[in-house]
């Protein structure tokens, strides 16, 4: 299978840094679990904080300490590419990935950076997408030959599973669901 893995909020936690900056700037106390919709933040505030968040790439934490292992296992059977709209340069993104031993050619084949914020990821043809973006769920009805593993996050809780959309919790859930999919193809 050709597998697309989203970077932000699937491989690493950009939201933690975003919230730290947002809460400090606007003197509020928004918690991670309170960000319960994709467009939670007022656009002007988001547009101001997001570029500052991107600059703090070194502060991002990885969502799973074994992420490199999971990606390596996937690469043993599949073509894995990482998709992102992240504002950092490809070089900076790769450098940050290498901190967790996520290396091009070993844990993924290519890092594809898209220019649009919502990253019309479905325009890049893959068999399976691992992503947290709720906007992809409705679009998947148009792509019945593809599968979306919706990486569980507070902002996608309102999304329901459908024929080709499955919610997964953590990377253990990702791997389990891919095993299930492999067993029927």
N, C-alpha and C. Protein backbone atom coordinates (compact mmCIF):
# COMPACT_ATOMS: atom_id res chain seq x y z
N UNK A 1 0.84 -1.19 0.00
CA UNK A 1 0.00 0.00 0.00
C UNK A 1 0.88 1.25 0.00
N UNK A 2 0.35 2.28 -0.58
CA UNK A 2 0.96 3.60 -0.48
C UNK A 2 0.30 4.29 0.71
N UNK A 3 1.10 4.68 1.69
CA UNK A 3 0.58 5.26 2.93
C UNK A 3 1.08 6.69 3.11
N UNK A 4 0.14 7.60 3.37
CA UNK A 4 0.46 8.99 3.67
C UNK A 4 0.28 9.23 5.17
N UNK A 5 1.30 9.74 5.82
CA UNK A 5 1.25 10.02 7.26
C UNK A 5 1.35 11.53 7.45
N UNK A 6 0.36 12.10 8.11
CA UNK A 6 0.39 13.52 8.43
C UNK A 6 1.45 13.77 9.50
N UNK A 7 2.04 14.94 9.49
CA UNK A 7 3.13 15.26 10.42
C UNK A 7 2.60 15.86 11.73
N UNK A 8 1.92 17.00 11.63
CA UNK A 8 1.45 17.72 12.82
C UNK A 8 0.25 17.00 13.44
N UNK A 9 0.35 16.72 14.72
CA UNK A 9 -0.71 16.09 15.52
C UNK A 9 -0.90 14.61 15.21
N UNK A 10 0.02 14.02 14.42
CA UNK A 10 0.02 12.57 14.18
C UNK A 10 1.40 12.01 14.52
N UNK A 11 2.45 12.71 14.10
CA UNK A 11 3.82 12.30 14.46
C UNK A 11 4.31 13.11 15.66
N UNK A 12 4.09 14.41 15.61
CA UNK A 12 4.53 15.22 16.75
C UNK A 12 3.44 16.19 17.18
N UNK A 13 3.62 16.73 18.38
CA UNK A 13 2.63 17.60 19.01
C UNK A 13 2.99 19.06 18.78
N UNK A 14 2.39 19.64 17.77
CA UNK A 14 2.56 21.08 17.52
C UNK A 14 1.57 21.88 18.39
N UNK A 15 0.44 21.25 18.73
CA UNK A 15 -0.60 21.96 19.48
C UNK A 15 -0.14 22.36 20.87
N UNK A 16 0.70 21.57 21.51
CA UNK A 16 1.19 21.94 22.83
C UNK A 16 1.94 23.26 22.81
N UNK A 17 2.78 23.44 21.82
CA UNK A 17 3.54 24.70 21.67
C UNK A 17 2.59 25.83 21.30
N UNK A 18 1.66 25.54 20.37
CA UNK A 18 0.69 26.55 19.96
C UNK A 18 -0.08 27.06 21.17
N UNK A 19 -0.58 26.14 22.01
CA UNK A 19 -1.37 26.54 23.18
C UNK A 19 -0.55 27.33 24.19
N UNK A 20 0.69 26.95 24.36
CA UNK A 20 1.55 27.71 25.28
C UNK A 20 1.65 29.16 24.82
N UNK A 21 1.94 29.36 23.55
CA UNK A 21 2.06 30.72 23.01
C UNK A 21 0.71 31.45 23.05
N UNK A 22 -0.33 30.77 22.65
CA UNK A 22 -1.67 31.37 22.62
C UNK A 22 -2.11 31.81 24.01
N UNK A 23 -1.97 30.91 24.97
CA UNK A 23 -2.39 31.23 26.34
C UNK A 23 -1.59 32.38 26.92
N UNK A 24 -0.30 32.41 26.66
CA UNK A 24 0.54 33.52 27.15
C UNK A 24 0.18 34.83 26.48
N UNK A 25 -0.02 34.81 25.18
CA UNK A 25 -0.30 36.03 24.42
C UNK A 25 -1.65 36.64 24.80
N UNK A 26 -2.67 35.78 24.91
CA UNK A 26 -4.03 36.28 25.13
C UNK A 26 -4.50 36.13 26.57
N UNK A 27 -3.59 35.74 27.46
CA UNK A 27 -3.88 35.61 28.89
C UNK A 27 -5.15 34.80 29.15
N UNK A 28 -5.16 33.63 28.56
CA UNK A 28 -6.27 32.67 28.75
C UNK A 28 -5.66 31.35 29.18
N UNK A 29 -6.49 30.36 29.39
CA UNK A 29 -6.00 29.05 29.80
C UNK A 29 -6.74 27.95 29.02
N UNK A 30 -6.58 27.97 27.70
CA UNK A 30 -7.21 26.95 26.86
C UNK A 30 -6.43 25.65 27.01
N UNK A 31 -7.15 24.59 27.32
CA UNK A 31 -6.55 23.26 27.48
C UNK A 31 -6.65 22.49 26.17
N UNK A 32 -5.72 21.58 25.98
CA UNK A 32 -5.65 20.75 24.77
C UNK A 32 -7.01 20.13 24.44
N UNK A 33 -7.62 19.50 25.44
CA UNK A 33 -8.88 18.79 25.21
C UNK A 33 -10.05 19.72 24.91
N UNK A 34 -9.88 21.01 25.17
CA UNK A 34 -10.94 21.98 24.87
C UNK A 34 -10.96 22.40 23.40
N UNK A 35 -9.90 22.12 22.68
CA UNK A 35 -9.82 22.48 21.26
C UNK A 35 -10.62 21.43 20.50
N UNK A 36 -11.95 21.60 20.53
CA UNK A 36 -12.85 20.55 20.07
C UNK A 36 -13.43 20.75 18.67
N UNK A 37 -12.84 21.64 17.92
CA UNK A 37 -13.22 21.79 16.51
C UNK A 37 -12.02 22.30 15.73
N UNK A 38 -12.03 22.02 14.44
CA UNK A 38 -10.89 22.34 13.58
C UNK A 38 -10.60 23.82 13.56
N UNK A 39 -11.63 24.65 13.45
CA UNK A 39 -11.45 26.10 13.42
C UNK A 39 -11.81 26.70 14.79
N UNK A 40 -11.23 26.17 15.82
CA UNK A 40 -11.52 26.55 17.20
C UNK A 40 -11.09 27.99 17.48
N UNK A 41 -9.92 28.37 17.00
CA UNK A 41 -9.35 29.68 17.32
C UNK A 41 -9.81 30.73 16.32
N UNK A 42 -10.07 31.96 16.78
CA UNK A 42 -10.38 33.03 15.84
C UNK A 42 -9.26 33.16 14.80
N UNK A 43 -9.65 33.31 13.55
CA UNK A 43 -8.68 33.30 12.45
C UNK A 43 -7.53 34.29 12.65
N UNK A 44 -7.83 35.51 13.05
CA UNK A 44 -6.76 36.51 13.23
C UNK A 44 -5.76 36.07 14.30
N UNK A 45 -6.28 35.51 15.37
CA UNK A 45 -5.39 35.03 16.42
C UNK A 45 -4.56 33.83 15.94
N UNK A 46 -5.24 32.89 15.27
CA UNK A 46 -4.52 31.72 14.74
C UNK A 46 -3.42 32.17 13.78
N UNK A 47 -3.77 33.06 12.86
CA UNK A 47 -2.80 33.53 11.86
C UNK A 47 -1.61 34.24 12.49
N UNK A 48 -1.80 34.79 13.66
CA UNK A 48 -0.69 35.44 14.37
C UNK A 48 0.17 34.42 15.12
N UNK A 49 -0.47 33.48 15.80
CA UNK A 49 0.25 32.53 16.66
C UNK A 49 0.91 31.42 15.85
N UNK A 50 0.26 30.96 14.79
CA UNK A 50 0.81 29.80 14.06
C UNK A 50 2.24 30.04 13.57
N UNK A 51 2.57 31.16 12.92
CA UNK A 51 3.96 31.37 12.47
C UNK A 51 4.96 31.38 13.64
N UNK A 52 4.52 31.86 14.79
CA UNK A 52 5.39 31.85 15.97
C UNK A 52 5.60 30.41 16.46
N UNK A 53 4.57 29.61 16.35
CA UNK A 53 4.65 28.19 16.73
C UNK A 53 5.65 27.47 15.84
N UNK A 54 5.57 27.73 14.55
CA UNK A 54 6.46 27.09 13.57
C UNK A 54 7.93 27.37 13.90
N UNK A 55 8.21 28.56 14.37
CA UNK A 55 9.58 28.92 14.73
C UNK A 55 10.11 28.10 15.90
N UNK A 56 9.20 27.54 16.70
CA UNK A 56 9.60 26.80 17.90
C UNK A 56 9.62 25.29 17.67
N UNK A 57 9.96 24.88 16.46
CA UNK A 57 9.96 23.47 16.09
C UNK A 57 10.78 22.62 17.07
N UNK A 58 11.84 23.18 17.62
CA UNK A 58 12.68 22.40 18.55
C UNK A 58 11.96 22.06 19.84
N UNK A 59 10.85 22.74 20.12
CA UNK A 59 10.07 22.46 21.33
C UNK A 59 8.98 21.41 21.12
N UNK A 60 8.73 21.00 19.88
CA UNK A 60 7.69 19.99 19.63
C UNK A 60 8.12 18.67 20.25
N UNK A 61 7.17 17.99 20.86
CA UNK A 61 7.44 16.65 21.37
C UNK A 61 6.79 15.63 20.42
N UNK A 62 7.34 14.43 20.40
CA UNK A 62 6.79 13.38 19.56
C UNK A 62 5.65 12.70 20.32
N UNK A 63 4.61 12.33 19.61
CA UNK A 63 3.41 11.78 20.25
C UNK A 63 3.61 10.36 20.77
N UNK A 64 4.64 9.68 20.27
CA UNK A 64 4.92 8.33 20.75
C UNK A 64 6.43 8.14 20.72
N UNK A 65 6.99 7.65 21.80
CA UNK A 65 8.44 7.49 21.88
C UNK A 65 8.95 6.44 20.89
N UNK A 66 8.08 5.56 20.42
CA UNK A 66 8.47 4.51 19.49
C UNK A 66 8.02 4.78 18.05
N UNK A 67 7.73 6.04 17.75
CA UNK A 67 7.21 6.38 16.42
C UNK A 67 8.15 5.91 15.30
N UNK A 68 9.44 6.03 15.52
CA UNK A 68 10.39 5.59 14.48
C UNK A 68 10.25 4.09 14.21
N UNK A 69 10.03 3.32 15.25
CA UNK A 69 9.86 1.87 15.13
C UNK A 69 8.61 1.54 14.31
N UNK A 70 7.50 2.21 14.63
CA UNK A 70 6.25 1.97 13.89
C UNK A 70 6.40 2.32 12.41
N UNK A 71 7.01 3.46 12.14
CA UNK A 71 7.21 3.86 10.74
C UNK A 71 8.14 2.88 10.01
N UNK A 72 9.18 2.43 10.71
CA UNK A 72 10.12 1.46 10.12
C UNK A 72 9.38 0.15 9.76
N UNK A 73 8.52 -0.31 10.66
CA UNK A 73 7.73 -1.52 10.39
C UNK A 73 6.83 -1.32 9.17
N UNK A 74 6.19 -0.17 9.09
CA UNK A 74 5.33 0.11 7.94
C UNK A 74 6.14 0.13 6.64
N UNK A 75 7.32 0.74 6.70
CA UNK A 75 8.18 0.81 5.50
C UNK A 75 8.64 -0.58 5.05
N UNK A 76 8.66 -1.55 5.96
CA UNK A 76 9.05 -2.91 5.58
C UNK A 76 8.07 -3.56 4.63
N UNK A 77 6.81 -3.08 4.64
CA UNK A 77 5.76 -3.67 3.80
C UNK A 77 5.15 -2.70 2.81
N UNK A 78 5.30 -1.40 3.07
CA UNK A 78 4.54 -0.41 2.31
C UNK A 78 5.43 0.78 1.91
N UNK A 79 4.89 1.62 1.05
CA UNK A 79 5.54 2.89 0.70
C UNK A 79 4.97 3.96 1.62
N UNK A 80 5.80 4.51 2.49
CA UNK A 80 5.34 5.51 3.47
C UNK A 80 5.92 6.87 3.10
N UNK A 81 5.03 7.84 2.97
CA UNK A 81 5.45 9.22 2.74
C UNK A 81 4.79 10.09 3.80
N UNK A 82 5.48 11.15 4.19
CA UNK A 82 4.96 12.08 5.18
C UNK A 82 4.46 13.32 4.46
N UNK A 83 3.23 13.73 4.78
CA UNK A 83 2.63 14.93 4.18
C UNK A 83 2.48 16.00 5.26
N UNK A 84 2.71 17.24 4.87
CA UNK A 84 2.56 18.34 5.82
C UNK A 84 2.28 19.65 5.11
N UNK A 85 1.68 20.56 5.85
CA UNK A 85 1.56 21.95 5.41
C UNK A 85 2.42 22.83 6.32
N UNK A 86 3.15 22.22 7.23
CA UNK A 86 3.93 22.95 8.23
C UNK A 86 4.78 24.03 7.59
N UNK A 87 4.82 25.19 8.21
CA UNK A 87 5.52 26.34 7.65
C UNK A 87 7.03 26.28 7.69
N UNK A 88 7.61 25.29 8.35
CA UNK A 88 9.06 25.16 8.38
C UNK A 88 9.59 24.70 7.03
N UNK A 89 10.87 24.92 6.81
CA UNK A 89 11.50 24.43 5.58
C UNK A 89 11.60 22.91 5.66
N UNK A 90 11.69 22.27 4.52
CA UNK A 90 11.84 20.81 4.47
C UNK A 90 13.08 20.39 5.25
N UNK A 91 14.15 21.16 5.15
CA UNK A 91 15.39 20.83 5.86
C UNK A 91 15.18 20.83 7.37
N UNK A 92 14.47 21.85 7.89
CA UNK A 92 14.19 21.91 9.33
C UNK A 92 13.29 20.77 9.78
N UNK A 93 12.31 20.45 8.95
CA UNK A 93 11.39 19.35 9.29
C UNK A 93 12.15 18.03 9.35
N UNK A 94 12.99 17.79 8.37
CA UNK A 94 13.77 16.54 8.34
C UNK A 94 14.73 16.48 9.53
N UNK A 95 15.33 17.60 9.87
CA UNK A 95 16.25 17.65 11.01
C UNK A 95 15.51 17.28 12.30
N UNK A 96 14.32 17.83 12.48
CA UNK A 96 13.53 17.52 13.67
C UNK A 96 13.12 16.04 13.68
N UNK A 97 12.74 15.50 12.53
CA UNK A 97 12.38 14.08 12.44
C UNK A 97 13.57 13.20 12.80
N UNK A 98 14.74 13.59 12.36
CA UNK A 98 15.94 12.79 12.63
C UNK A 98 16.25 12.70 14.13
N UNK A 99 15.80 13.69 14.91
CA UNK A 99 15.97 13.63 16.37
C UNK A 99 15.35 12.37 16.95
N UNK A 100 14.28 11.90 16.32
CA UNK A 100 13.58 10.70 16.79
C UNK A 100 13.94 9.49 15.91
N UNK A 101 15.06 9.58 15.22
CA UNK A 101 15.49 8.52 14.30
C UNK A 101 14.44 8.21 13.25
N UNK A 102 13.78 9.22 12.75
CA UNK A 102 12.85 9.10 11.63
C UNK A 102 13.60 9.66 10.43
N UNK A 103 14.15 8.73 9.63
CA UNK A 103 15.06 9.12 8.56
C UNK A 103 14.49 8.79 7.18
N UNK A 104 14.71 9.73 6.29
CA UNK A 104 14.30 9.51 4.90
C UNK A 104 15.04 8.29 4.35
N UNK A 105 14.28 7.40 3.72
CA UNK A 105 14.85 6.18 3.16
C UNK A 105 14.77 4.99 4.09
N UNK A 106 14.50 5.22 5.37
CA UNK A 106 14.40 4.14 6.35
C UNK A 106 13.00 4.09 6.98
N UNK A 107 12.55 5.21 7.54
CA UNK A 107 11.23 5.25 8.16
C UNK A 107 10.19 5.90 7.24
N UNK A 108 10.62 6.55 6.20
CA UNK A 108 9.72 7.12 5.20
C UNK A 108 10.50 7.33 3.90
N UNK A 109 9.77 7.40 2.79
CA UNK A 109 10.42 7.58 1.49
C UNK A 109 10.63 9.04 1.13
N UNK A 110 9.64 9.87 1.49
CA UNK A 110 9.68 11.26 1.05
C UNK A 110 8.84 12.12 1.99
N UNK A 111 9.26 13.35 2.17
CA UNK A 111 8.49 14.35 2.90
C UNK A 111 7.89 15.28 1.86
N UNK A 112 6.57 15.30 1.77
CA UNK A 112 5.88 16.13 0.78
C UNK A 112 5.25 17.30 1.51
N UNK A 113 5.68 18.48 1.15
CA UNK A 113 5.18 19.70 1.78
C UNK A 113 4.18 20.35 0.83
N UNK A 114 2.97 20.55 1.33
CA UNK A 114 1.92 21.18 0.53
C UNK A 114 1.78 22.63 0.94
N UNK A 115 1.33 23.45 0.01
CA UNK A 115 1.26 24.89 0.26
C UNK A 115 -0.03 25.35 0.93
N UNK A 116 -1.07 24.56 0.88
CA UNK A 116 -2.33 25.00 1.46
C UNK A 116 -2.43 24.54 2.91
N UNK A 117 -3.08 25.35 3.73
CA UNK A 117 -3.18 25.04 5.16
C UNK A 117 -3.90 23.71 5.38
N UNK A 118 -5.04 23.54 4.75
CA UNK A 118 -5.78 22.29 4.95
C UNK A 118 -5.20 21.18 4.10
N UNK A 119 -4.20 21.53 3.31
CA UNK A 119 -3.46 20.54 2.54
C UNK A 119 -4.34 19.55 1.85
N UNK A 120 -4.81 19.87 0.70
CA UNK A 120 -5.70 18.96 -0.02
C UNK A 120 -4.95 17.66 -0.25
N UNK A 121 -4.79 16.92 0.81
CA UNK A 121 -3.97 15.70 0.79
C UNK A 121 -4.53 14.65 -0.14
N UNK A 122 -5.81 14.72 -0.40
CA UNK A 122 -6.40 13.72 -1.27
C UNK A 122 -6.04 13.93 -2.73
N UNK A 123 -5.45 15.08 -3.05
CA UNK A 123 -4.98 15.31 -4.42
C UNK A 123 -3.70 14.53 -4.69
N UNK A 124 -3.02 14.09 -3.64
CA UNK A 124 -1.86 13.22 -3.76
C UNK A 124 -2.39 11.81 -3.52
N UNK A 125 -2.29 10.94 -4.52
CA UNK A 125 -2.96 9.65 -4.45
C UNK A 125 -2.22 8.63 -3.59
N UNK A 126 -2.91 8.20 -2.55
CA UNK A 126 -2.42 7.16 -1.65
C UNK A 126 -3.56 6.17 -1.43
N UNK A 127 -3.20 4.98 -0.97
CA UNK A 127 -4.22 3.98 -0.63
C UNK A 127 -4.76 4.23 0.77
N UNK A 128 -3.91 4.74 1.65
CA UNK A 128 -4.27 4.90 3.05
C UNK A 128 -3.66 6.20 3.58
N UNK A 129 -4.46 6.96 4.31
CA UNK A 129 -4.03 8.21 4.92
C UNK A 129 -4.16 8.08 6.43
N UNK A 130 -3.13 8.52 7.15
CA UNK A 130 -3.20 8.60 8.61
C UNK A 130 -3.16 10.08 8.93
N UNK A 131 -4.29 10.62 9.39
CA UNK A 131 -4.42 12.07 9.51
C UNK A 131 -5.41 12.42 10.61
N UNK A 132 -5.26 13.62 11.17
CA UNK A 132 -6.16 14.09 12.22
C UNK A 132 -7.19 15.10 11.72
N UNK A 133 -7.12 15.50 10.48
CA UNK A 133 -7.96 16.57 9.94
C UNK A 133 -9.40 16.11 9.70
N UNK A 134 -10.36 16.68 10.41
CA UNK A 134 -11.75 16.29 10.21
C UNK A 134 -12.30 16.67 8.84
N UNK A 135 -11.68 17.62 8.17
CA UNK A 135 -12.16 18.04 6.86
C UNK A 135 -12.01 16.93 5.82
N UNK A 136 -11.12 15.99 6.07
CA UNK A 136 -10.93 14.89 5.12
C UNK A 136 -12.05 13.86 5.19
N UNK A 137 -12.72 13.77 6.33
CA UNK A 137 -13.73 12.72 6.53
C UNK A 137 -14.84 12.81 5.49
N UNK A 138 -15.45 13.96 5.33
CA UNK A 138 -16.52 14.12 4.34
C UNK A 138 -16.04 13.88 2.92
N UNK A 139 -14.84 14.31 2.64
CA UNK A 139 -14.27 14.14 1.29
C UNK A 139 -14.02 12.68 0.94
N UNK A 140 -13.84 11.84 1.94
CA UNK A 140 -13.53 10.43 1.68
C UNK A 140 -14.68 9.71 0.97
N UNK A 141 -15.89 10.25 1.03
CA UNK A 141 -17.01 9.65 0.30
C UNK A 141 -16.76 9.65 -1.21
N UNK A 142 -15.96 10.62 -1.67
CA UNK A 142 -15.62 10.71 -3.09
C UNK A 142 -14.52 9.72 -3.48
N UNK A 143 -13.83 9.17 -2.51
CA UNK A 143 -12.65 8.32 -2.76
C UNK A 143 -12.85 6.95 -2.12
N UNK A 144 -13.79 6.21 -2.62
CA UNK A 144 -14.16 4.93 -2.00
C UNK A 144 -13.06 3.87 -2.11
N UNK A 145 -12.07 4.11 -2.96
CA UNK A 145 -10.96 3.16 -3.08
C UNK A 145 -9.80 3.49 -2.15
N UNK A 146 -9.98 4.48 -1.28
CA UNK A 146 -8.95 4.88 -0.33
C UNK A 146 -9.48 4.76 1.09
N UNK A 147 -8.56 4.72 2.05
CA UNK A 147 -8.92 4.57 3.46
C UNK A 147 -8.28 5.71 4.25
N UNK A 148 -9.05 6.23 5.20
CA UNK A 148 -8.54 7.24 6.13
C UNK A 148 -8.56 6.64 7.53
N UNK A 149 -7.40 6.64 8.17
CA UNK A 149 -7.33 6.34 9.60
C UNK A 149 -7.30 7.68 10.30
N UNK A 150 -8.40 8.04 10.92
CA UNK A 150 -8.54 9.33 11.57
C UNK A 150 -7.88 9.25 12.95
N UNK A 151 -6.72 9.90 13.06
CA UNK A 151 -5.94 9.88 14.29
C UNK A 151 -6.69 10.69 15.34
N UNK A 152 -7.09 10.05 16.41
CA UNK A 152 -7.95 10.62 17.43
C UNK A 152 -7.34 11.87 18.06
N UNK A 153 -8.06 12.97 17.94
CA UNK A 153 -7.70 14.24 18.56
C UNK A 153 -8.98 14.94 18.99
N UNK A 154 -8.91 15.85 19.96
CA UNK A 154 -10.13 16.53 20.41
C UNK A 154 -10.90 17.22 19.29
N UNK A 155 -10.21 17.76 18.29
CA UNK A 155 -10.85 18.53 17.23
C UNK A 155 -11.52 17.65 16.18
N UNK A 156 -11.44 16.33 16.30
CA UNK A 156 -12.15 15.49 15.33
C UNK A 156 -13.15 14.55 16.00
N UNK A 157 -13.51 14.83 17.25
CA UNK A 157 -14.42 13.95 18.00
C UNK A 157 -15.82 13.88 17.41
N UNK A 158 -16.24 14.91 16.71
CA UNK A 158 -17.59 14.91 16.13
C UNK A 158 -17.68 14.06 14.85
N UNK A 159 -16.55 13.61 14.34
CA UNK A 159 -16.52 12.83 13.09
C UNK A 159 -16.90 11.38 13.36
N UNK A 160 -17.73 10.86 12.50
CA UNK A 160 -18.15 9.47 12.64
C UNK A 160 -17.41 8.61 11.63
N UNK A 161 -17.20 7.36 12.03
CA UNK A 161 -16.60 6.41 11.10
C UNK A 161 -17.58 6.15 9.96
N UNK A 162 -17.05 5.78 8.83
CA UNK A 162 -17.86 5.39 7.68
C UNK A 162 -17.13 4.26 6.97
N UNK A 163 -17.61 3.84 5.83
CA UNK A 163 -17.05 2.67 5.14
C UNK A 163 -15.54 2.69 5.00
N UNK A 164 -14.97 3.84 4.72
CA UNK A 164 -13.53 3.93 4.49
C UNK A 164 -12.83 4.90 5.45
N UNK A 165 -13.49 5.21 6.57
CA UNK A 165 -12.91 6.08 7.60
C UNK A 165 -13.00 5.36 8.94
N UNK A 166 -11.84 5.19 9.58
CA UNK A 166 -11.78 4.48 10.86
C UNK A 166 -10.99 5.33 11.86
N UNK A 167 -11.55 5.49 13.04
CA UNK A 167 -10.86 6.24 14.10
C UNK A 167 -9.82 5.32 14.73
N UNK A 168 -8.62 5.88 14.95
CA UNK A 168 -7.56 5.13 15.63
C UNK A 168 -7.05 5.96 16.79
N UNK A 169 -6.73 5.29 17.88
CA UNK A 169 -6.21 5.97 19.06
C UNK A 169 -4.75 5.58 19.19
N UNK A 170 -3.88 6.56 19.02
CA UNK A 170 -2.45 6.34 19.16
C UNK A 170 -1.87 5.46 18.06
N UNK A 171 -0.55 5.32 18.12
CA UNK A 171 0.13 4.53 17.08
C UNK A 171 -0.10 3.04 17.24
N UNK A 172 -0.43 2.61 18.45
CA UNK A 172 -0.79 1.20 18.62
C UNK A 172 -2.08 0.92 17.85
N UNK A 173 -3.03 1.84 17.92
CA UNK A 173 -4.28 1.72 17.17
C UNK A 173 -4.07 1.76 15.67
N UNK A 174 -3.13 2.61 15.23
CA UNK A 174 -2.79 2.68 13.80
C UNK A 174 -2.31 1.31 13.32
N UNK A 175 -1.36 0.75 14.04
CA UNK A 175 -0.76 -0.51 13.62
C UNK A 175 -1.78 -1.65 13.64
N UNK A 176 -2.62 -1.67 14.64
CA UNK A 176 -3.64 -2.72 14.74
C UNK A 176 -4.60 -2.63 13.56
N UNK A 177 -5.06 -1.42 13.23
CA UNK A 177 -6.01 -1.25 12.13
C UNK A 177 -5.36 -1.61 10.80
N UNK A 178 -4.09 -1.26 10.60
CA UNK A 178 -3.41 -1.62 9.35
C UNK A 178 -3.28 -3.13 9.24
N UNK A 179 -3.00 -3.82 10.35
CA UNK A 179 -2.97 -5.28 10.33
C UNK A 179 -4.30 -5.86 9.89
N UNK A 180 -5.40 -5.29 10.41
CA UNK A 180 -6.74 -5.74 10.02
C UNK A 180 -6.97 -5.53 8.53
N UNK A 181 -6.57 -4.37 8.04
CA UNK A 181 -6.76 -4.04 6.61
C UNK A 181 -5.92 -5.00 5.76
N UNK A 182 -4.68 -5.26 6.17
CA UNK A 182 -3.80 -6.16 5.42
C UNK A 182 -4.39 -7.56 5.33
N UNK A 183 -5.11 -7.98 6.35
CA UNK A 183 -5.64 -9.34 6.39
C UNK A 183 -6.79 -9.55 5.40
N UNK A 184 -7.39 -8.47 4.92
CA UNK A 184 -8.51 -8.62 3.99
C UNK A 184 -8.17 -8.22 2.55
N UNK A 185 -6.94 -7.75 2.33
CA UNK A 185 -6.58 -7.41 0.94
C UNK A 185 -5.63 -8.43 0.33
